[in-house]
């Protein structure tokens, strides 16, 4: 078991199955030492933050979406120990009119990445409020990581 998988186990986190694509795309794409995940969503938390969902619900949705991204990375790389650095996070938050606290919601992603990867999990990011997301999900996350050669 790798160091990151052991860390996940210590945190009581089990990665979900790699989600089926909803279209004609792949879960992760690699070019050289960069891997970019497709957007992954909070399939178990639906709705709009600031409407029927609280900030805490949104935080949990961001965390769930991030776990799906990690599952995609593990499937692509074979081991999350190959992640050298989390480089960039892009988060979309389904937001009720007037809701402006998207950064706090996306902390559900950022906090998880730092819990799992430590300093290597610190990243640049954008938190964007949108009116709708596919299938009613609350949060969609994309992650770009730098990886070690095998």
N, C-alpha and C. Protein backbone atom coordinates (compact mmCIF):
# COMPACT_ATOMS: atom_id res chain seq x y z
N UNK A 1 0.86 -1.19 0.00
CA UNK A 1 0.00 0.00 0.00
C UNK A 1 0.89 1.24 0.00
N UNK A 2 0.56 2.19 -0.86
CA UNK A 2 1.34 3.42 -0.95
C UNK A 2 1.07 4.36 0.22
N UNK A 3 1.92 5.35 0.33
CA UNK A 3 1.83 6.32 1.43
C UNK A 3 0.51 7.08 1.40
N UNK A 4 0.07 7.51 0.22
CA UNK A 4 -1.18 8.28 0.12
C UNK A 4 -2.38 7.38 0.39
N UNK A 5 -2.37 6.15 -0.13
CA UNK A 5 -3.46 5.22 0.16
C UNK A 5 -3.53 4.93 1.66
N UNK A 6 -2.37 4.83 2.30
CA UNK A 6 -2.33 4.63 3.75
C UNK A 6 -2.90 5.85 4.46
N UNK A 7 -2.58 7.04 3.97
CA UNK A 7 -3.12 8.27 4.57
C UNK A 7 -4.64 8.29 4.44
N UNK A 8 -5.16 7.91 3.27
CA UNK A 8 -6.62 7.85 3.08
C UNK A 8 -7.24 6.91 4.11
N UNK A 9 -6.61 5.76 4.30
CA UNK A 9 -7.12 4.77 5.25
C UNK A 9 -7.12 5.35 6.67
N UNK A 10 -6.04 6.06 7.04
CA UNK A 10 -5.97 6.69 8.36
C UNK A 10 -7.10 7.71 8.55
N UNK A 11 -7.45 8.40 7.47
CA UNK A 11 -8.52 9.40 7.52
C UNK A 11 -9.91 8.78 7.43
N UNK A 12 -9.95 7.45 7.23
CA UNK A 12 -11.24 6.76 7.10
C UNK A 12 -11.92 7.05 5.77
N UNK A 13 -11.13 7.32 4.74
CA UNK A 13 -11.66 7.68 3.44
C UNK A 13 -11.49 6.52 2.47
N UNK A 14 -12.58 6.16 1.82
CA UNK A 14 -12.54 5.16 0.76
C UNK A 14 -12.91 5.86 -0.54
N UNK A 15 -12.05 5.71 -1.55
CA UNK A 15 -12.33 6.35 -2.83
C UNK A 15 -13.50 5.64 -3.52
N UNK A 16 -14.35 6.40 -4.17
CA UNK A 16 -15.45 5.79 -4.92
C UNK A 16 -14.94 5.14 -6.21
N UNK A 17 -15.80 4.41 -6.87
CA UNK A 17 -15.47 3.88 -8.19
C UNK A 17 -15.29 5.06 -9.15
N UNK A 18 -14.49 4.85 -10.19
CA UNK A 18 -14.37 5.89 -11.21
C UNK A 18 -15.74 6.03 -11.88
N UNK A 19 -16.27 7.24 -11.87
CA UNK A 19 -17.61 7.43 -12.42
C UNK A 19 -17.66 7.21 -13.93
N UNK A 20 -18.80 6.74 -14.40
CA UNK A 20 -19.00 6.62 -15.84
C UNK A 20 -19.13 8.01 -16.44
N UNK A 21 -18.53 8.20 -17.60
CA UNK A 21 -18.64 9.48 -18.29
C UNK A 21 -20.07 9.68 -18.77
N UNK A 22 -20.53 10.92 -18.69
CA UNK A 22 -21.87 11.26 -19.16
C UNK A 22 -21.86 11.67 -20.63
N UNK A 23 -20.70 11.63 -21.25
CA UNK A 23 -20.57 12.03 -22.65
C UNK A 23 -19.35 11.37 -23.26
N UNK A 24 -18.90 11.96 -24.35
CA UNK A 24 -17.79 11.41 -25.12
C UNK A 24 -16.47 12.03 -24.66
N UNK A 25 -16.02 11.65 -23.44
CA UNK A 25 -14.79 12.16 -22.87
C UNK A 25 -14.22 11.12 -21.92
N UNK A 26 -12.98 11.35 -21.50
CA UNK A 26 -12.31 10.42 -20.59
C UNK A 26 -12.19 11.05 -19.19
N UNK A 27 -12.08 10.23 -18.15
CA UNK A 27 -12.04 10.76 -16.78
C UNK A 27 -10.80 11.60 -16.46
N UNK A 28 -9.68 11.28 -17.10
CA UNK A 28 -8.43 12.02 -16.87
C UNK A 28 -7.62 12.01 -18.15
N UNK A 29 -6.84 13.06 -18.34
CA UNK A 29 -6.03 13.20 -19.54
C UNK A 29 -4.63 13.62 -19.14
N UNK A 30 -3.64 12.94 -19.69
CA UNK A 30 -2.24 13.21 -19.31
C UNK A 30 -1.46 13.75 -20.49
N UNK A 31 -0.60 14.73 -20.20
CA UNK A 31 0.37 15.23 -21.16
C UNK A 31 1.66 15.46 -20.40
N UNK A 32 2.68 14.68 -20.71
CA UNK A 32 3.94 14.78 -19.99
C UNK A 32 3.75 14.51 -18.52
N UNK A 33 4.14 15.47 -17.67
CA UNK A 33 4.01 15.24 -16.23
C UNK A 33 2.79 15.95 -15.64
N UNK A 34 1.81 16.29 -16.49
CA UNK A 34 0.57 16.90 -16.01
C UNK A 34 -0.62 15.98 -16.29
N UNK A 35 -1.50 15.87 -15.30
CA UNK A 35 -2.74 15.11 -15.47
C UNK A 35 -3.89 16.02 -15.04
N UNK A 36 -4.88 16.10 -15.91
CA UNK A 36 -6.05 16.94 -15.69
C UNK A 36 -7.28 16.04 -15.63
N UNK A 37 -8.05 16.15 -14.56
CA UNK A 37 -9.27 15.35 -14.48
C UNK A 37 -10.41 16.07 -15.21
N UNK A 38 -11.33 15.31 -15.72
CA UNK A 38 -12.60 15.87 -16.17
C UNK A 38 -13.36 16.33 -14.94
N UNK A 39 -14.32 17.19 -15.13
CA UNK A 39 -15.14 17.65 -14.02
C UNK A 39 -15.88 16.50 -13.38
N UNK A 40 -15.81 16.42 -12.07
CA UNK A 40 -16.51 15.39 -11.31
C UNK A 40 -17.46 16.06 -10.34
N UNK A 41 -18.62 15.44 -10.17
CA UNK A 41 -19.66 16.09 -9.39
C UNK A 41 -20.05 15.36 -8.13
N UNK A 42 -20.85 16.06 -7.38
CA UNK A 42 -21.39 15.58 -6.11
C UNK A 42 -22.69 14.81 -6.36
N UNK A 43 -22.59 13.61 -6.83
CA UNK A 43 -23.76 12.83 -7.25
C UNK A 43 -24.77 12.60 -6.12
N UNK A 44 -24.32 12.68 -4.87
CA UNK A 44 -25.22 12.42 -3.74
C UNK A 44 -25.79 13.69 -3.11
N UNK A 45 -25.32 14.85 -3.56
CA UNK A 45 -25.81 16.11 -3.02
C UNK A 45 -26.27 16.97 -4.19
N UNK A 46 -27.57 17.17 -4.27
CA UNK A 46 -28.17 17.89 -5.39
C UNK A 46 -28.81 19.18 -4.90
N UNK A 47 -28.80 20.19 -5.75
CA UNK A 47 -29.47 21.44 -5.43
C UNK A 47 -28.53 22.62 -5.53
N UNK A 48 -29.02 23.75 -5.06
CA UNK A 48 -28.25 25.00 -5.13
C UNK A 48 -27.86 25.48 -3.74
N UNK A 49 -26.59 25.81 -3.62
CA UNK A 49 -26.09 26.34 -2.35
C UNK A 49 -26.64 27.76 -2.19
N UNK A 50 -27.09 28.05 -0.98
CA UNK A 50 -27.72 29.34 -0.72
C UNK A 50 -29.21 29.30 -0.98
N UNK A 51 -29.68 28.18 -1.49
CA UNK A 51 -31.11 27.93 -1.68
C UNK A 51 -31.50 26.80 -0.75
N UNK A 52 -31.77 25.63 -1.34
CA UNK A 52 -32.14 24.48 -0.51
C UNK A 52 -30.95 23.86 0.21
N UNK A 53 -29.72 24.23 -0.18
CA UNK A 53 -28.52 23.69 0.44
C UNK A 53 -27.79 24.76 1.24
N UNK A 54 -27.25 24.37 2.38
CA UNK A 54 -26.45 25.26 3.21
C UNK A 54 -25.00 25.29 2.71
N UNK A 55 -24.23 26.19 3.27
CA UNK A 55 -22.80 26.23 2.96
C UNK A 55 -22.16 24.90 3.37
N UNK A 56 -22.59 24.34 4.50
CA UNK A 56 -22.05 23.05 4.96
C UNK A 56 -22.38 21.94 3.98
N UNK A 57 -23.58 21.96 3.41
CA UNK A 57 -23.93 20.98 2.38
C UNK A 57 -23.03 21.14 1.17
N UNK A 58 -22.80 22.38 0.78
CA UNK A 58 -21.93 22.65 -0.36
C UNK A 58 -20.50 22.19 -0.10
N UNK A 59 -20.02 22.42 1.10
CA UNK A 59 -18.68 21.98 1.50
C UNK A 59 -18.58 20.46 1.34
N UNK A 60 -19.58 19.74 1.83
CA UNK A 60 -19.61 18.28 1.71
C UNK A 60 -19.68 17.86 0.24
N UNK A 61 -20.41 18.59 -0.57
CA UNK A 61 -20.51 18.29 -2.00
C UNK A 61 -19.16 18.48 -2.68
N UNK A 62 -18.43 19.53 -2.31
CA UNK A 62 -17.11 19.77 -2.88
C UNK A 62 -16.15 18.64 -2.49
N UNK A 63 -16.26 18.19 -1.27
CA UNK A 63 -15.43 17.08 -0.79
C UNK A 63 -15.74 15.81 -1.59
N UNK A 64 -17.03 15.53 -1.78
CA UNK A 64 -17.44 14.34 -2.54
C UNK A 64 -16.92 14.41 -3.98
N UNK A 65 -17.06 15.56 -4.62
CA UNK A 65 -16.58 15.71 -5.99
C UNK A 65 -15.07 15.50 -6.07
N UNK A 66 -14.35 15.98 -5.06
CA UNK A 66 -12.90 15.83 -5.02
C UNK A 66 -12.50 14.37 -4.88
N UNK A 67 -13.23 13.61 -4.08
CA UNK A 67 -12.95 12.18 -3.96
C UNK A 67 -13.11 11.49 -5.31
N UNK A 68 -14.07 11.90 -6.10
CA UNK A 68 -14.24 11.33 -7.44
C UNK A 68 -13.06 11.69 -8.34
N UNK A 69 -12.56 12.92 -8.20
CA UNK A 69 -11.36 13.32 -8.96
C UNK A 69 -10.16 12.46 -8.55
N UNK A 70 -10.00 12.23 -7.25
CA UNK A 70 -8.89 11.40 -6.78
C UNK A 70 -9.01 9.97 -7.31
N UNK A 71 -10.22 9.45 -7.39
CA UNK A 71 -10.42 8.11 -7.96
C UNK A 71 -9.98 8.09 -9.42
N UNK A 72 -10.29 9.15 -10.16
CA UNK A 72 -9.88 9.24 -11.57
C UNK A 72 -8.37 9.31 -11.69
N UNK A 73 -7.73 10.08 -10.81
CA UNK A 73 -6.27 10.18 -10.83
C UNK A 73 -5.62 8.84 -10.50
N UNK A 74 -6.16 8.16 -9.51
CA UNK A 74 -5.59 6.85 -9.14
C UNK A 74 -5.72 5.86 -10.30
N UNK A 75 -6.87 5.87 -10.97
CA UNK A 75 -7.07 4.97 -12.11
C UNK A 75 -6.08 5.30 -13.24
N UNK A 76 -5.82 6.57 -13.45
CA UNK A 76 -4.89 6.99 -14.52
C UNK A 76 -3.44 6.68 -14.17
N UNK A 77 -3.06 6.88 -12.91
CA UNK A 77 -1.66 6.79 -12.50
C UNK A 77 -1.28 5.46 -11.87
N UNK A 78 -2.27 4.70 -11.40
CA UNK A 78 -1.98 3.46 -10.70
C UNK A 78 -1.80 3.66 -9.20
N UNK A 79 -1.27 4.82 -8.80
CA UNK A 79 -1.07 5.13 -7.39
C UNK A 79 -1.09 6.64 -7.21
N UNK A 80 -1.74 7.10 -6.16
CA UNK A 80 -1.74 8.53 -5.86
C UNK A 80 -0.39 9.00 -5.32
N UNK A 81 0.50 8.06 -5.00
CA UNK A 81 1.85 8.44 -4.59
C UNK A 81 2.62 9.09 -5.73
N UNK A 82 2.15 8.95 -6.94
CA UNK A 82 2.82 9.57 -8.09
C UNK A 82 2.49 11.05 -8.22
N UNK A 83 1.55 11.54 -7.43
CA UNK A 83 1.22 12.97 -7.46
C UNK A 83 2.35 13.74 -6.79
N UNK A 84 3.00 14.58 -7.56
CA UNK A 84 4.09 15.42 -7.05
C UNK A 84 3.54 16.69 -6.41
N UNK A 85 2.48 17.25 -7.04
CA UNK A 85 1.92 18.51 -6.57
C UNK A 85 0.53 18.68 -7.15
N UNK A 86 -0.41 19.10 -6.30
CA UNK A 86 -1.71 19.53 -6.81
C UNK A 86 -1.48 20.96 -7.29
N UNK A 87 -1.71 21.18 -8.57
CA UNK A 87 -1.33 22.42 -9.20
C UNK A 87 -2.46 23.44 -9.24
N UNK A 88 -3.66 22.98 -9.66
CA UNK A 88 -4.79 23.91 -9.85
C UNK A 88 -6.10 23.16 -9.62
N UNK A 89 -7.04 23.85 -8.98
CA UNK A 89 -8.40 23.35 -8.79
C UNK A 89 -9.35 24.35 -9.42
N UNK A 90 -10.32 23.83 -10.13
CA UNK A 90 -11.39 24.65 -10.68
C UNK A 90 -12.70 24.09 -10.15
N UNK A 91 -13.46 24.93 -9.45
CA UNK A 91 -14.71 24.47 -8.86
C UNK A 91 -15.88 25.31 -9.31
N UNK A 92 -16.95 24.64 -9.67
CA UNK A 92 -18.21 25.28 -10.05
C UNK A 92 -19.25 24.95 -8.99
N UNK A 93 -19.89 25.97 -8.48
CA UNK A 93 -20.87 25.78 -7.41
C UNK A 93 -22.23 26.24 -7.92
N UNK A 94 -23.21 25.32 -7.94
CA UNK A 94 -24.58 25.69 -8.30
C UNK A 94 -25.09 26.60 -7.20
N UNK A 95 -25.39 27.85 -7.55
CA UNK A 95 -25.67 28.88 -6.55
C UNK A 95 -27.05 29.49 -6.75
N UNK A 96 -27.74 29.66 -5.64
CA UNK A 96 -29.02 30.38 -5.66
C UNK A 96 -28.73 31.85 -5.95
N UNK A 97 -29.69 32.58 -6.50
CA UNK A 97 -29.48 34.01 -6.75
C UNK A 97 -29.04 34.73 -5.47
N UNK A 98 -28.00 35.55 -5.61
CA UNK A 98 -27.49 36.32 -4.49
C UNK A 98 -26.45 35.62 -3.64
N UNK A 99 -26.23 34.30 -3.85
CA UNK A 99 -25.23 33.59 -3.06
C UNK A 99 -23.84 33.95 -3.57
N UNK A 100 -22.95 34.37 -2.67
CA UNK A 100 -21.62 34.83 -3.08
C UNK A 100 -20.48 34.21 -2.28
N UNK A 101 -20.73 33.14 -1.56
CA UNK A 101 -19.68 32.54 -0.71
C UNK A 101 -19.12 31.25 -1.32
N UNK A 102 -18.93 31.25 -2.64
CA UNK A 102 -18.40 30.08 -3.33
C UNK A 102 -17.02 29.65 -2.80
N UNK A 103 -16.12 30.60 -2.43
CA UNK A 103 -14.83 30.15 -1.91
C UNK A 103 -14.93 29.28 -0.66
N UNK A 104 -15.87 29.59 0.23
CA UNK A 104 -16.04 28.77 1.44
C UNK A 104 -16.52 27.37 1.07
N UNK A 105 -17.41 27.28 0.11
CA UNK A 105 -17.88 25.97 -0.35
C UNK A 105 -16.71 25.15 -0.90
N UNK A 106 -15.90 25.78 -1.76
CA UNK A 106 -14.79 25.05 -2.39
C UNK A 106 -13.70 24.67 -1.40
N UNK A 107 -13.72 25.24 -0.20
CA UNK A 107 -12.79 24.79 0.84
C UNK A 107 -12.98 23.31 1.14
N UNK A 108 -14.16 22.75 0.87
CA UNK A 108 -14.38 21.31 1.03
C UNK A 108 -13.41 20.51 0.18
N UNK A 109 -13.08 21.03 -0.99
CA UNK A 109 -12.08 20.41 -1.87
C UNK A 109 -10.68 20.69 -1.36
N UNK A 110 -10.38 21.96 -1.15
CA UNK A 110 -9.02 22.36 -0.77
C UNK A 110 -8.58 21.72 0.55
N UNK A 111 -9.47 21.73 1.53
CA UNK A 111 -9.12 21.14 2.83
C UNK A 111 -8.81 19.66 2.68
N UNK A 112 -9.60 18.95 1.89
CA UNK A 112 -9.37 17.52 1.67
C UNK A 112 -8.02 17.29 1.00
N UNK A 113 -7.70 18.06 -0.01
CA UNK A 113 -6.43 17.87 -0.72
C UNK A 113 -5.23 18.08 0.21
N UNK A 114 -5.34 19.03 1.11
CA UNK A 114 -4.25 19.27 2.06
C UNK A 114 -4.21 18.17 3.13
N UNK A 115 -5.37 17.68 3.56
CA UNK A 115 -5.41 16.55 4.50
C UNK A 115 -4.71 15.33 3.90
N UNK A 116 -4.95 15.09 2.61
CA UNK A 116 -4.43 13.88 1.96
C UNK A 116 -2.97 14.04 1.55
N UNK A 117 -2.61 15.17 0.92
CA UNK A 117 -1.29 15.33 0.33
C UNK A 117 -0.35 16.23 1.14
N UNK A 118 -0.83 16.82 2.22
CA UNK A 118 0.01 17.74 2.97
C UNK A 118 0.35 18.96 2.13
N UNK A 119 1.57 19.46 2.25
CA UNK A 119 1.98 20.66 1.52
C UNK A 119 1.87 20.48 0.01
N UNK A 120 2.03 19.25 -0.47
CA UNK A 120 1.90 19.00 -1.91
C UNK A 120 0.48 19.23 -2.40
N UNK A 121 -0.47 19.33 -1.46
CA UNK A 121 -1.86 19.55 -1.81
C UNK A 121 -2.23 21.02 -1.98
N UNK A 122 -1.33 21.94 -1.60
CA UNK A 122 -1.63 23.38 -1.76
C UNK A 122 -1.64 23.72 -3.24
N UNK A 123 -2.60 24.56 -3.64
CA UNK A 123 -2.85 24.75 -5.06
C UNK A 123 -3.41 26.13 -5.34
N UNK A 124 -3.34 26.50 -6.60
CA UNK A 124 -4.09 27.66 -7.09
C UNK A 124 -5.51 27.18 -7.35
N UNK A 125 -6.49 28.10 -7.33
CA UNK A 125 -7.85 27.65 -7.59
C UNK A 125 -8.75 28.80 -8.01
N UNK A 126 -9.87 28.40 -8.58
CA UNK A 126 -10.95 29.33 -8.91
C UNK A 126 -12.25 28.70 -8.43
N UNK A 127 -13.09 29.51 -7.77
CA UNK A 127 -14.41 29.07 -7.28
C UNK A 127 -15.46 29.92 -8.00
N UNK A 128 -16.24 29.27 -8.83
CA UNK A 128 -17.16 30.00 -9.71
C UNK A 128 -18.60 29.59 -9.43
N UNK A 129 -19.44 30.57 -9.21
CA UNK A 129 -20.87 30.32 -9.03
C UNK A 129 -21.56 30.23 -10.38
N UNK A 130 -22.41 29.22 -10.54
CA UNK A 130 -23.17 29.02 -11.77
C UNK A 130 -24.63 28.79 -11.43
N UNK A 131 -25.49 29.02 -12.41
CA UNK A 131 -26.93 28.86 -12.16
C UNK A 131 -27.38 27.40 -12.19
N UNK A 132 -26.71 26.57 -12.96
CA UNK A 132 -27.10 25.15 -13.09
C UNK A 132 -25.86 24.31 -13.35
N UNK A 133 -25.90 23.06 -12.88
CA UNK A 133 -24.87 22.07 -13.19
C UNK A 133 -25.56 20.80 -13.69
N UNK A 134 -24.83 19.94 -14.42
CA UNK A 134 -25.44 18.72 -14.96
C UNK A 134 -26.14 17.88 -13.89
N UNK A 135 -27.29 17.37 -14.24
CA UNK A 135 -28.07 16.46 -13.39
C UNK A 135 -28.39 17.04 -12.02
N UNK A 136 -28.34 18.35 -11.88
CA UNK A 136 -28.71 18.98 -10.62
C UNK A 136 -27.66 18.92 -9.53
N UNK A 137 -26.43 18.48 -9.86
CA UNK A 137 -25.40 18.39 -8.83
C UNK A 137 -25.11 19.77 -8.26
N UNK A 138 -24.63 19.79 -7.01
CA UNK A 138 -24.35 21.05 -6.33
C UNK A 138 -22.97 21.61 -6.65
N UNK A 139 -22.00 20.73 -6.85
CA UNK A 139 -20.61 21.16 -7.07
C UNK A 139 -19.96 20.26 -8.11
N UNK A 140 -19.16 20.88 -8.98
CA UNK A 140 -18.32 20.14 -9.93
C UNK A 140 -16.89 20.63 -9.75
N UNK A 141 -15.95 19.69 -9.71
CA UNK A 141 -14.55 20.01 -9.46
C UNK A 141 -13.68 19.38 -10.56
N UNK A 142 -12.67 20.14 -10.99
CA UNK A 142 -11.61 19.64 -11.87
C UNK A 142 -10.29 19.86 -11.15
N UNK A 143 -9.36 18.94 -11.32
CA UNK A 143 -8.05 19.06 -10.67
C UNK A 143 -6.95 18.85 -11.71
N UNK A 144 -5.92 19.67 -11.63
CA UNK A 144 -4.71 19.53 -12.44
C UNK A 144 -3.56 19.21 -11.49
N UNK A 145 -2.86 18.10 -11.73
CA UNK A 145 -1.74 17.71 -10.89
C UNK A 145 -0.48 17.52 -11.70
N UNK A 146 0.64 17.74 -11.05
CA UNK A 146 1.95 17.41 -11.59
C UNK A 146 2.30 16.04 -11.03
N UNK A 147 2.83 15.15 -11.89
CA UNK A 147 3.13 13.79 -11.44
C UNK A 147 4.60 13.46 -11.65
N UNK A 148 5.05 12.49 -10.85
CA UNK A 148 6.41 11.95 -10.96
C UNK A 148 6.43 10.93 -12.09
N UNK A 149 7.57 10.82 -12.76
CA UNK A 149 7.75 9.73 -13.70
C UNK A 149 7.84 8.44 -12.91
N UNK A 150 7.50 7.33 -13.59
CA UNK A 150 7.56 6.03 -12.90
C UNK A 150 8.96 5.60 -12.61
